[in-house]
Amino acid sequence: MPTRSFQNAPGRARAADARAVGAFSLIELAVVIVIIGILSGLSLGFIGHWTGLYTTLLAQKRVEGEMFATVEQLRRELRTLRSIDQGASNKFSFFNAQGAKIALDYSAAQFSLNQQPLAQGVAVCEFQYFSVNEGKLATPLSPGDFEHLARIQLTLRITNQTAAAQTIVNFYLLEGYLK
């Protein structure tokens, strides 16, 4: 009986060419390249979308951060208010507990405190003044209105190229002191 070798066993496929064993055909390689191209195209679309969204959210966060930092600085300064010097729709000045004059001014898209910029890109900055009975006082304030002033309302809108933030803040005064 003839002996059989393992290589000639029934059911074992033999390659016509020994060099082709384990290699990819040209069609398989082309299909893989097409699939990779489609997946990378889809992922680039998603990456582009999320990058744009991130950029917009970052710009919005910067604008809101600048706005809230400005409001917080104003809140700190107004807590020291002892007497009012001037009140107009775009500026407000007062004297603090140490007797120093504090001037808030809006001009040329910049809101400043004692000529130091608090916020850039300001689109709207308006002071409104209200008496004890919530009646709106005419601007600019006259010296006779200073003693009736109970609330200062600030409308502030800050913008940049892609985002904007707006707030209305009320500062309540009690006998010349901030509540």
N, C-alpha and C. Protein backbone atom coordinates (compact mmCIF):
# COMPACT_ATOMS: atom_id res chain seq x y z
N MET A 1 0.83 -1.15 0.00
CA MET A 1 0.00 0.00 0.00
C MET A 1 0.89 1.24 0.00
N PRO A 2 0.51 2.17 -0.89
CA PRO A 2 1.37 3.35 -0.96
C PRO A 2 1.12 4.25 0.25
N THR A 3 2.11 4.88 0.70
CA THR A 3 1.97 5.82 1.83
C THR A 3 1.59 7.20 1.30
N ARG A 4 0.78 7.81 2.09
CA ARG A 4 0.36 9.16 1.70
C ARG A 4 1.08 10.18 2.58
N SER A 5 1.42 11.23 1.95
CA SER A 5 2.02 12.32 2.73
C SER A 5 0.90 13.28 3.14
N PHE A 6 1.17 14.08 4.11
CA PHE A 6 0.19 15.03 4.62
C PHE A 6 -0.18 16.06 3.57
N GLN A 7 0.77 16.44 2.75
CA GLN A 7 0.52 17.45 1.73
C GLN A 7 -0.44 16.96 0.67
N ASN A 8 -0.51 15.66 0.44
CA ASN A 8 -1.40 15.13 -0.59
C ASN A 8 -2.67 14.54 0.00
N ALA A 9 -2.98 14.90 1.24
CA ALA A 9 -4.15 14.35 1.90
C ALA A 9 -5.42 14.84 1.22
N PRO A 10 -6.47 13.97 1.17
CA PRO A 10 -7.72 14.41 0.57
C PRO A 10 -8.33 15.57 1.38
N GLY A 11 -8.95 16.54 0.71
CA GLY A 11 -9.57 17.68 1.37
C GLY A 11 -8.62 18.83 1.58
N ARG A 12 -7.39 18.64 1.34
CA ARG A 12 -6.41 19.71 1.51
C ARG A 12 -6.29 20.45 0.20
N ALA A 13 -6.55 21.75 0.21
CA ALA A 13 -6.45 22.54 -1.01
C ALA A 13 -5.00 22.87 -1.26
N ARG A 14 -4.66 22.78 -2.50
CA ARG A 14 -3.28 23.10 -2.87
C ARG A 14 -3.29 24.30 -3.78
N ALA A 15 -2.42 25.21 -3.54
CA ALA A 15 -2.32 26.39 -4.39
C ALA A 15 -1.62 26.01 -5.67
N ALA A 16 -2.05 26.64 -6.75
CA ALA A 16 -1.41 26.37 -8.03
C ALA A 16 0.01 26.89 -8.02
N ASP A 17 0.21 27.99 -7.30
CA ASP A 17 1.54 28.58 -7.25
C ASP A 17 1.90 28.75 -5.77
N ALA A 18 3.01 28.30 -5.37
CA ALA A 18 3.41 28.37 -3.97
C ALA A 18 3.60 29.81 -3.51
N ARG A 19 3.89 30.72 -4.43
CA ARG A 19 4.08 32.13 -4.05
C ARG A 19 2.76 32.81 -3.68
N ALA A 20 1.62 32.36 -4.13
CA ALA A 20 0.33 32.99 -3.90
C ALA A 20 -0.29 32.62 -2.56
N VAL A 21 0.31 31.76 -1.82
CA VAL A 21 -0.24 31.32 -0.55
C VAL A 21 -0.20 32.49 0.44
N GLY A 22 -1.38 32.86 1.03
CA GLY A 22 -1.46 33.90 2.05
C GLY A 22 -1.47 35.31 1.51
N ALA A 23 -1.48 35.54 0.24
CA ALA A 23 -1.48 36.89 -0.32
C ALA A 23 -2.90 37.34 -0.62
N PHE A 24 -3.10 38.67 -0.71
CA PHE A 24 -4.39 39.25 -1.08
C PHE A 24 -4.46 39.42 -2.58
N SER A 25 -5.66 39.29 -3.07
CA SER A 25 -5.83 39.55 -4.50
C SER A 25 -5.98 41.05 -4.70
N LEU A 26 -5.87 41.50 -5.90
CA LEU A 26 -5.97 42.92 -6.22
C LEU A 26 -7.38 43.44 -5.93
N ILE A 27 -8.39 42.64 -6.14
CA ILE A 27 -9.77 43.05 -5.87
C ILE A 27 -9.99 43.23 -4.37
N GLU A 28 -9.48 42.31 -3.56
CA GLU A 28 -9.62 42.45 -2.11
C GLU A 28 -8.95 43.72 -1.62
N LEU A 29 -7.78 44.01 -2.13
CA LEU A 29 -7.05 45.21 -1.74
C LEU A 29 -7.82 46.47 -2.14
N ALA A 30 -8.41 46.48 -3.32
CA ALA A 30 -9.19 47.63 -3.78
C ALA A 30 -10.43 47.83 -2.91
N VAL A 31 -11.11 46.75 -2.52
CA VAL A 31 -12.29 46.85 -1.66
C VAL A 31 -11.91 47.42 -0.30
N VAL A 32 -10.81 46.98 0.26
CA VAL A 32 -10.35 47.49 1.56
C VAL A 32 -10.04 48.98 1.46
N ILE A 33 -9.39 49.40 0.40
CA ILE A 33 -9.06 50.82 0.22
C ILE A 33 -10.33 51.66 0.09
N VAL A 34 -11.32 51.17 -0.64
CA VAL A 34 -12.59 51.89 -0.79
C VAL A 34 -13.30 52.01 0.55
N ILE A 35 -13.34 50.94 1.33
CA ILE A 35 -14.00 50.97 2.64
C ILE A 35 -13.29 51.94 3.57
N ILE A 36 -11.98 51.93 3.59
CA ILE A 36 -11.22 52.86 4.44
C ILE A 36 -11.48 54.30 4.00
N GLY A 37 -11.55 54.54 2.70
CA GLY A 37 -11.84 55.88 2.20
C GLY A 37 -13.21 56.38 2.62
N ILE A 38 -14.21 55.50 2.55
CA ILE A 38 -15.57 55.89 2.97
C ILE A 38 -15.60 56.20 4.46
N LEU A 39 -14.99 55.35 5.28
CA LEU A 39 -14.98 55.58 6.73
C LEU A 39 -14.23 56.86 7.09
N SER A 40 -13.12 57.12 6.44
CA SER A 40 -12.38 58.34 6.76
C SER A 40 -13.15 59.58 6.31
N GLY A 41 -13.85 59.50 5.19
CA GLY A 41 -14.68 60.62 4.75
C GLY A 41 -15.79 60.93 5.74
N LEU A 42 -16.44 59.88 6.24
CA LEU A 42 -17.49 60.08 7.24
C LEU A 42 -16.93 60.66 8.53
N SER A 43 -15.81 60.14 8.97
CA SER A 43 -15.24 60.63 10.23
C SER A 43 -14.75 62.07 10.09
N LEU A 44 -14.22 62.46 8.93
CA LEU A 44 -13.80 63.85 8.75
C LEU A 44 -15.00 64.79 8.79
N GLY A 45 -16.13 64.36 8.26
CA GLY A 45 -17.34 65.18 8.34
C GLY A 45 -17.77 65.41 9.77
N PHE A 46 -17.74 64.35 10.58
CA PHE A 46 -18.09 64.48 11.98
C PHE A 46 -17.08 65.34 12.73
N ILE A 47 -15.81 65.14 12.46
CA ILE A 47 -14.77 65.93 13.12
C ILE A 47 -14.93 67.40 12.78
N GLY A 48 -15.21 67.71 11.52
CA GLY A 48 -15.42 69.10 11.12
C GLY A 48 -16.62 69.72 11.81
N HIS A 49 -17.70 68.97 11.91
CA HIS A 49 -18.90 69.47 12.59
C HIS A 49 -18.62 69.75 14.06
N TRP A 50 -18.00 68.81 14.75
CA TRP A 50 -17.75 68.97 16.18
C TRP A 50 -16.71 70.04 16.45
N THR A 51 -15.76 70.22 15.55
CA THR A 51 -14.77 71.29 15.73
C THR A 51 -15.44 72.65 15.62
N GLY A 52 -16.34 72.81 14.65
CA GLY A 52 -17.08 74.07 14.53
C GLY A 52 -17.95 74.35 15.74
N LEU A 53 -18.61 73.32 16.23
CA LEU A 53 -19.45 73.47 17.42
C LEU A 53 -18.60 73.86 18.63
N TYR A 54 -17.45 73.21 18.80
CA TYR A 54 -16.56 73.52 19.91
C TYR A 54 -16.08 74.97 19.83
N THR A 55 -15.73 75.43 18.64
CA THR A 55 -15.26 76.80 18.46
C THR A 55 -16.35 77.80 18.83
N THR A 56 -17.58 77.53 18.42
CA THR A 56 -18.70 78.41 18.75
C THR A 56 -18.95 78.44 20.26
N LEU A 57 -18.94 77.28 20.89
CA LEU A 57 -19.17 77.22 22.33
C LEU A 57 -18.05 77.90 23.11
N LEU A 58 -16.82 77.76 22.64
CA LEU A 58 -15.70 78.42 23.29
C LEU A 58 -15.83 79.93 23.20
N ALA A 59 -16.23 80.44 22.04
CA ALA A 59 -16.44 81.89 21.88
C ALA A 59 -17.56 82.37 22.80
N GLN A 60 -18.64 81.60 22.91
CA GLN A 60 -19.74 81.98 23.79
C GLN A 60 -19.30 81.98 25.25
N LYS A 61 -18.50 81.01 25.62
CA LYS A 61 -18.01 80.94 27.00
C LYS A 61 -17.12 82.13 27.32
N ARG A 62 -16.29 82.54 26.38
CA ARG A 62 -15.42 83.70 26.59
C ARG A 62 -16.24 84.97 26.79
N VAL A 63 -17.25 85.16 25.95
CA VAL A 63 -18.09 86.36 26.06
C VAL A 63 -18.82 86.37 27.40
N GLU A 64 -19.41 85.25 27.77
CA GLU A 64 -20.14 85.19 29.04
C GLU A 64 -19.19 85.36 30.22
N GLY A 65 -18.00 84.80 30.13
CA GLY A 65 -17.02 84.97 31.20
C GLY A 65 -16.62 86.42 31.38
N GLU A 66 -16.41 87.11 30.27
CA GLU A 66 -16.06 88.53 30.35
C GLU A 66 -17.21 89.35 30.92
N MET A 67 -18.43 89.00 30.53
CA MET A 67 -19.59 89.73 31.03
C MET A 67 -19.76 89.53 32.53
N PHE A 68 -19.67 88.28 32.99
CA PHE A 68 -19.87 88.03 34.42
C PHE A 68 -18.72 88.58 35.26
N ALA A 69 -17.50 88.59 34.72
CA ALA A 69 -16.38 89.20 35.43
C ALA A 69 -16.61 90.70 35.57
N THR A 70 -17.14 91.32 34.54
CA THR A 70 -17.45 92.76 34.58
C THR A 70 -18.51 93.05 35.62
N VAL A 71 -19.58 92.27 35.63
CA VAL A 71 -20.66 92.48 36.60
C VAL A 71 -20.15 92.26 38.02
N GLU A 72 -19.32 91.26 38.23
CA GLU A 72 -18.77 91.01 39.56
C GLU A 72 -17.89 92.16 40.03
N GLN A 73 -17.08 92.71 39.14
CA GLN A 73 -16.24 93.85 39.49
C GLN A 73 -17.11 95.06 39.85
N LEU A 74 -18.16 95.30 39.08
CA LEU A 74 -19.08 96.40 39.39
C LEU A 74 -19.75 96.19 40.74
N ARG A 75 -20.14 94.98 41.01
CA ARG A 75 -20.79 94.66 42.29
C ARG A 75 -19.84 94.98 43.45
N ARG A 76 -18.57 94.60 43.30
CA ARG A 76 -17.59 94.89 44.36
C ARG A 76 -17.40 96.39 44.56
N GLU A 77 -17.31 97.12 43.45
CA GLU A 77 -17.09 98.56 43.55
C GLU A 77 -18.31 99.27 44.13
N LEU A 78 -19.50 98.88 43.70
CA LEU A 78 -20.71 99.56 44.17
C LEU A 78 -21.02 99.27 45.64
N ARG A 79 -20.46 98.22 46.18
CA ARG A 79 -20.66 97.95 47.62
C ARG A 79 -20.03 99.03 48.48
N THR A 80 -19.05 99.72 47.92
CA THR A 80 -18.35 100.75 48.69
C THR A 80 -18.92 102.14 48.45
N LEU A 81 -20.02 102.26 47.69
CA LEU A 81 -20.62 103.55 47.36
C LEU A 81 -21.03 104.31 48.61
N ARG A 82 -20.62 105.58 48.69
CA ARG A 82 -21.02 106.43 49.80
C ARG A 82 -21.75 107.68 49.32
N SER A 83 -21.35 108.22 48.17
CA SER A 83 -22.05 109.38 47.61
C SER A 83 -21.91 109.36 46.09
N ILE A 84 -22.91 109.94 45.42
CA ILE A 84 -22.96 109.90 43.96
C ILE A 84 -22.43 111.22 43.42
N ASP A 85 -21.64 111.13 42.37
CA ASP A 85 -21.09 112.31 41.72
C ASP A 85 -21.85 112.64 40.44
N GLN A 86 -22.12 111.63 39.61
CA GLN A 86 -22.75 111.85 38.32
C GLN A 86 -23.49 110.59 37.88
N GLY A 87 -24.61 110.77 37.20
CA GLY A 87 -25.35 109.63 36.67
C GLY A 87 -25.94 109.96 35.31
N ALA A 88 -25.48 109.28 34.29
CA ALA A 88 -26.00 109.45 32.93
C ALA A 88 -26.29 108.06 32.37
N SER A 89 -26.81 108.00 31.14
CA SER A 89 -27.15 106.70 30.57
C SER A 89 -25.92 105.88 30.19
N ASN A 90 -24.80 106.53 29.93
CA ASN A 90 -23.59 105.80 29.55
C ASN A 90 -22.45 105.95 30.55
N LYS A 91 -22.67 106.65 31.63
CA LYS A 91 -21.62 106.78 32.66
C LYS A 91 -22.24 106.99 34.03
N PHE A 92 -21.49 106.56 35.02
CA PHE A 92 -21.92 106.70 36.41
C PHE A 92 -20.66 106.85 37.24
N SER A 93 -20.63 107.85 38.10
CA SER A 93 -19.47 108.02 38.97
C SER A 93 -19.94 108.29 40.39
N PHE A 94 -19.13 107.83 41.33
CA PHE A 94 -19.47 107.96 42.74
C PHE A 94 -18.19 107.96 43.56
N PHE A 95 -18.34 108.27 44.84
CA PHE A 95 -17.22 108.23 45.76
C PHE A 95 -17.40 107.01 46.66
N ASN A 96 -16.29 106.30 46.90
CA ASN A 96 -16.36 105.10 47.74
C ASN A 96 -16.09 105.46 49.20
N ALA A 97 -16.02 104.45 50.06
CA ALA A 97 -15.84 104.66 51.50
C ALA A 97 -14.52 105.33 51.82
N GLN A 98 -13.51 105.16 50.99
CA GLN A 98 -12.21 105.79 51.22
C GLN A 98 -12.15 107.21 50.64
N GLY A 99 -13.21 107.65 50.00
CA GLY A 99 -13.25 108.99 49.41
C GLY A 99 -12.70 109.07 48.00
N ALA A 100 -12.34 107.94 47.41
CA ALA A 100 -11.82 107.93 46.04
C ALA A 100 -12.99 107.94 45.05
N LYS A 101 -12.78 108.65 43.94
CA LYS A 101 -13.82 108.71 42.92
C LYS A 101 -13.72 107.48 42.02
N ILE A 102 -14.85 106.81 41.82
CA ILE A 102 -14.95 105.65 40.93
C ILE A 102 -15.81 106.08 39.74
N ALA A 103 -15.25 105.96 38.54
CA ALA A 103 -15.97 106.38 37.33
C ALA A 103 -16.17 105.17 36.42
N LEU A 104 -17.43 104.90 36.09
CA LEU A 104 -17.79 103.86 35.13
C LEU A 104 -18.20 104.56 33.85
N ASP A 105 -17.62 104.16 32.72
CA ASP A 105 -17.85 104.88 31.47
C ASP A 105 -17.93 103.90 30.31
N TYR A 106 -18.87 104.17 29.41
CA TYR A 106 -19.01 103.38 28.18
C TYR A 106 -18.82 104.29 26.99
N SER A 107 -17.83 103.97 26.17
CA SER A 107 -17.61 104.71 24.92
C SER A 107 -16.80 103.85 23.97
N ALA A 108 -17.10 103.96 22.69
CA ALA A 108 -16.35 103.27 21.62
C ALA A 108 -16.25 101.77 21.85
N ALA A 109 -17.37 101.13 22.15
CA ALA A 109 -17.46 99.67 22.34
C ALA A 109 -16.59 99.16 23.47
N GLN A 110 -16.27 100.03 24.43
CA GLN A 110 -15.46 99.63 25.58
C GLN A 110 -16.11 100.16 26.85
N PHE A 111 -16.19 99.31 27.85
CA PHE A 111 -16.72 99.68 29.15
C PHE A 111 -15.54 99.74 30.10
N SER A 112 -15.36 100.88 30.78
CA SER A 112 -14.16 101.03 31.60
C SER A 112 -14.50 101.49 33.01
N LEU A 113 -13.60 101.17 33.91
CA LEU A 113 -13.67 101.56 35.31
C LEU A 113 -12.43 102.39 35.58
N ASN A 114 -12.61 103.66 35.89
CA ASN A 114 -11.49 104.59 36.10
C ASN A 114 -10.50 104.52 34.94
N GLN A 115 -11.01 104.54 33.73
CA GLN A 115 -10.26 104.53 32.47
C GLN A 115 -9.46 103.25 32.25
N GLN A 116 -9.75 102.21 33.01
CA GLN A 116 -9.17 100.89 32.79
C GLN A 116 -10.25 100.00 32.18
N PRO A 117 -9.98 99.35 31.04
CA PRO A 117 -11.04 98.58 30.38
C PRO A 117 -11.53 97.40 31.23
N LEU A 118 -12.85 97.32 31.37
CA LEU A 118 -13.49 96.17 32.03
C LEU A 118 -13.93 95.15 31.00
N ALA A 119 -14.44 95.62 29.86
CA ALA A 119 -14.95 94.71 28.83
C ALA A 119 -14.76 95.33 27.45
N GLN A 120 -14.38 94.49 26.50
CA GLN A 120 -14.23 94.90 25.10
C GLN A 120 -15.42 94.36 24.32
N GLY A 121 -15.70 94.94 23.18
CA GLY A 121 -16.78 94.46 22.32
C GLY A 121 -18.16 94.70 22.90
N VAL A 122 -18.31 95.77 23.65
CA VAL A 122 -19.59 96.08 24.27
C VAL A 122 -20.50 96.72 23.23
N ALA A 123 -21.64 96.09 22.98
CA ALA A 123 -22.60 96.62 22.00
C ALA A 123 -23.64 97.51 22.68
N VAL A 124 -24.03 97.16 23.89
CA VAL A 124 -25.02 97.93 24.64
C VAL A 124 -24.54 98.06 26.07
N CYS A 125 -24.55 99.27 26.58
CA CYS A 125 -24.27 99.52 27.99
C CYS A 125 -25.10 100.73 28.39
N GLU A 126 -26.10 100.49 29.21
CA GLU A 126 -27.00 101.57 29.57
C GLU A 126 -27.33 101.51 31.06
N PHE A 127 -27.15 102.65 31.71
CA PHE A 127 -27.55 102.79 33.10
C PHE A 127 -28.94 103.42 33.14
N GLN A 128 -29.81 102.86 34.00
CA GLN A 128 -31.11 103.47 34.28
C GLN A 128 -31.22 103.59 35.79
N TYR A 129 -31.88 104.64 36.23
CA TYR A 129 -31.94 104.95 37.65
C TYR A 129 -33.40 104.99 38.10
N PHE A 130 -33.65 104.42 39.30
CA PHE A 130 -35.02 104.33 39.81
C PHE A 130 -35.07 104.85 41.23
N SER A 131 -36.20 105.48 41.57
CA SER A 131 -36.38 106.04 42.90
C SER A 131 -36.94 104.98 43.85
N VAL A 132 -37.18 105.39 45.09
CA VAL A 132 -37.68 104.48 46.11
C VAL A 132 -39.03 103.90 45.72
N ASN A 133 -39.89 104.69 45.09
CA ASN A 133 -41.21 104.20 44.67
C ASN A 133 -41.17 103.56 43.29
N GLU A 134 -39.99 103.16 42.82
CA GLU A 134 -39.76 102.47 41.54
C GLU A 134 -40.07 103.34 40.33
N GLY A 135 -40.12 104.65 40.52
CA GLY A 135 -40.28 105.54 39.38
C GLY A 135 -38.93 105.74 38.70
N LYS A 136 -38.95 105.76 37.39
CA LYS A 136 -37.70 105.94 36.65
C LYS A 136 -37.28 107.40 36.71
N LEU A 137 -36.03 107.63 37.09
CA LEU A 137 -35.50 108.99 37.17
C LEU A 137 -34.94 109.39 35.81
N ALA A 138 -35.10 110.66 35.48
CA ALA A 138 -34.60 111.17 34.19
C ALA A 138 -33.08 111.20 34.21
N THR A 139 -32.50 110.90 33.06
CA THR A 139 -31.04 110.97 32.93
C THR A 139 -30.70 112.17 32.07
N PRO A 140 -29.62 112.84 32.35
CA PRO A 140 -28.70 112.63 33.46
C PRO A 140 -29.34 113.01 34.80
N LEU A 141 -28.87 112.36 35.85
CA LEU A 141 -29.41 112.63 37.18
C LEU A 141 -29.04 114.05 37.61
N SER A 142 -29.98 114.69 38.26
CA SER A 142 -29.69 115.99 38.85
C SER A 142 -29.27 115.76 40.30
N PRO A 143 -28.53 116.69 40.91
CA PRO A 143 -28.12 116.49 42.31
C PRO A 143 -29.30 116.24 43.25
N GLY A 144 -30.48 116.76 42.94
CA GLY A 144 -31.65 116.51 43.78
C GLY A 144 -32.15 115.07 43.70
N ASP A 145 -31.81 114.38 42.61
CA ASP A 145 -32.23 112.98 42.45
C ASP A 145 -31.36 112.00 43.24
N PHE A 146 -30.17 112.43 43.62
CA PHE A 146 -29.22 111.52 44.28
C PHE A 146 -29.81 110.94 45.56
N GLU A 147 -30.53 111.77 46.33
CA GLU A 147 -31.06 111.29 47.60
C GLU A 147 -32.25 110.35 47.42
N HIS A 148 -32.89 110.38 46.26
CA HIS A 148 -34.04 109.51 46.00
C HIS A 148 -33.65 108.22 45.27
N LEU A 149 -32.42 108.11 44.89
CA LEU A 149 -31.96 106.95 44.12
C LEU A 149 -31.99 105.69 44.99
N ALA A 150 -32.69 104.66 44.52
CA ALA A 150 -32.80 103.41 45.27
C ALA A 150 -32.28 102.21 44.49
N ARG A 151 -32.27 102.33 43.15
CA ARG A 151 -31.85 101.19 42.33
C ARG A 151 -31.18 101.69 41.06
N ILE A 152 -30.10 101.02 40.71
CA ILE A 152 -29.40 101.28 39.45
C ILE A 152 -29.54 100.02 38.61
N GLN A 153 -30.05 100.19 37.40
CA GLN A 153 -30.19 99.05 36.49
C GLN A 153 -29.19 99.19 35.36
N LEU A 154 -28.41 98.15 35.15
CA LEU A 154 -27.40 98.15 34.09
C LEU A 154 -27.79 97.10 33.05
N THR A 155 -27.92 97.53 31.80
CA THR A 155 -28.13 96.62 30.68
C THR A 155 -26.80 96.51 29.95
N LEU A 156 -26.28 95.30 29.84
CA LEU A 156 -24.96 95.09 29.27
C LEU A 156 -25.02 93.98 28.23
N ARG A 157 -24.52 94.27 27.02
CA ARG A 157 -24.45 93.28 25.95
C ARG A 157 -23.04 93.31 25.38
N ILE A 158 -22.38 92.15 25.43
CA ILE A 158 -21.02 92.02 24.93
C ILE A 158 -21.03 91.04 23.76
N THR A 159 -20.32 91.38 22.69
CA THR A 159 -20.28 90.53 21.50
C THR A 159 -18.85 90.33 21.03
N ASN A 160 -18.65 89.27 20.26
CA ASN A 160 -17.42 89.09 19.48
C ASN A 160 -17.85 88.60 18.10
N GLN A 161 -16.96 88.04 17.31
CA GLN A 161 -17.29 87.67 15.94
C GLN A 161 -18.36 86.59 15.85
N THR A 162 -18.42 85.68 16.81
CA THR A 162 -19.33 84.54 16.69
C THR A 162 -20.32 84.38 17.83
N ALA A 163 -20.24 85.21 18.86
CA ALA A 163 -21.12 85.00 20.02
C ALA A 163 -21.50 86.34 20.65
N ALA A 164 -22.54 86.29 21.45
CA ALA A 164 -23.00 87.48 22.18
C ALA A 164 -23.63 87.05 23.49
N ALA A 165 -23.56 87.92 24.49
CA ALA A 165 -24.19 87.66 25.77
C ALA A 165 -24.78 88.97 26.28
N GLN A 166 -25.94 88.88 26.89
CA GLN A 166 -26.60 90.08 27.40
C GLN A 166 -27.16 89.79 28.78
N THR A 167 -27.11 90.80 29.63
CA THR A 167 -27.69 90.68 30.96
C THR A 167 -28.24 92.03 31.40
N ILE A 168 -29.19 91.96 32.30
CA ILE A 168 -29.71 93.16 32.96
C ILE A 168 -29.51 92.93 34.45
N VAL A 169 -28.75 93.82 35.08
CA VAL A 169 -28.39 93.66 36.48
C VAL A 169 -28.96 94.84 37.25
N ASN A 170 -29.54 94.56 38.41
CA ASN A 170 -30.07 95.61 39.28
C ASN A 170 -29.21 95.69 40.53
N PHE A 171 -28.76 96.89 40.83
CA PHE A 171 -28.00 97.16 42.05
C PHE A 171 -28.91 97.99 42.96
N TYR A 172 -29.30 97.41 44.10
CA TYR A 172 -30.21 98.08 45.02
C TYR A 172 -29.41 98.84 46.06
N LEU A 173 -29.82 100.08 46.34
CA LEU A 173 -29.16 100.93 47.31
C LEU A 173 -30.09 101.15 48.49
N LEU A 174 -29.53 101.24 49.68
CA LEU A 174 -30.32 101.51 50.87
C LEU A 174 -29.60 102.61 51.64
N GLU A 175 -30.19 103.77 51.70
CA GLU A 175 -29.61 104.92 52.39
C GLU A 175 -28.18 105.17 51.94
N GLY A 176 -27.94 105.08 50.63
CA GLY A 176 -26.62 105.36 50.10
C GLY A 176 -25.68 104.17 50.13
N TYR A 177 -26.13 103.04 50.66
CA TYR A 177 -25.29 101.85 50.73
C TYR A 177 -25.90 100.75 49.88
N LEU A 178 -25.07 99.95 49.30
CA LEU A 178 -25.59 98.83 48.51
C LEU A 178 -26.11 97.76 49.44
N LYS A 179 -27.28 97.23 49.15
CA LYS A 179 -27.85 96.14 49.95
C LYS A 179 -27.04 94.89 49.77
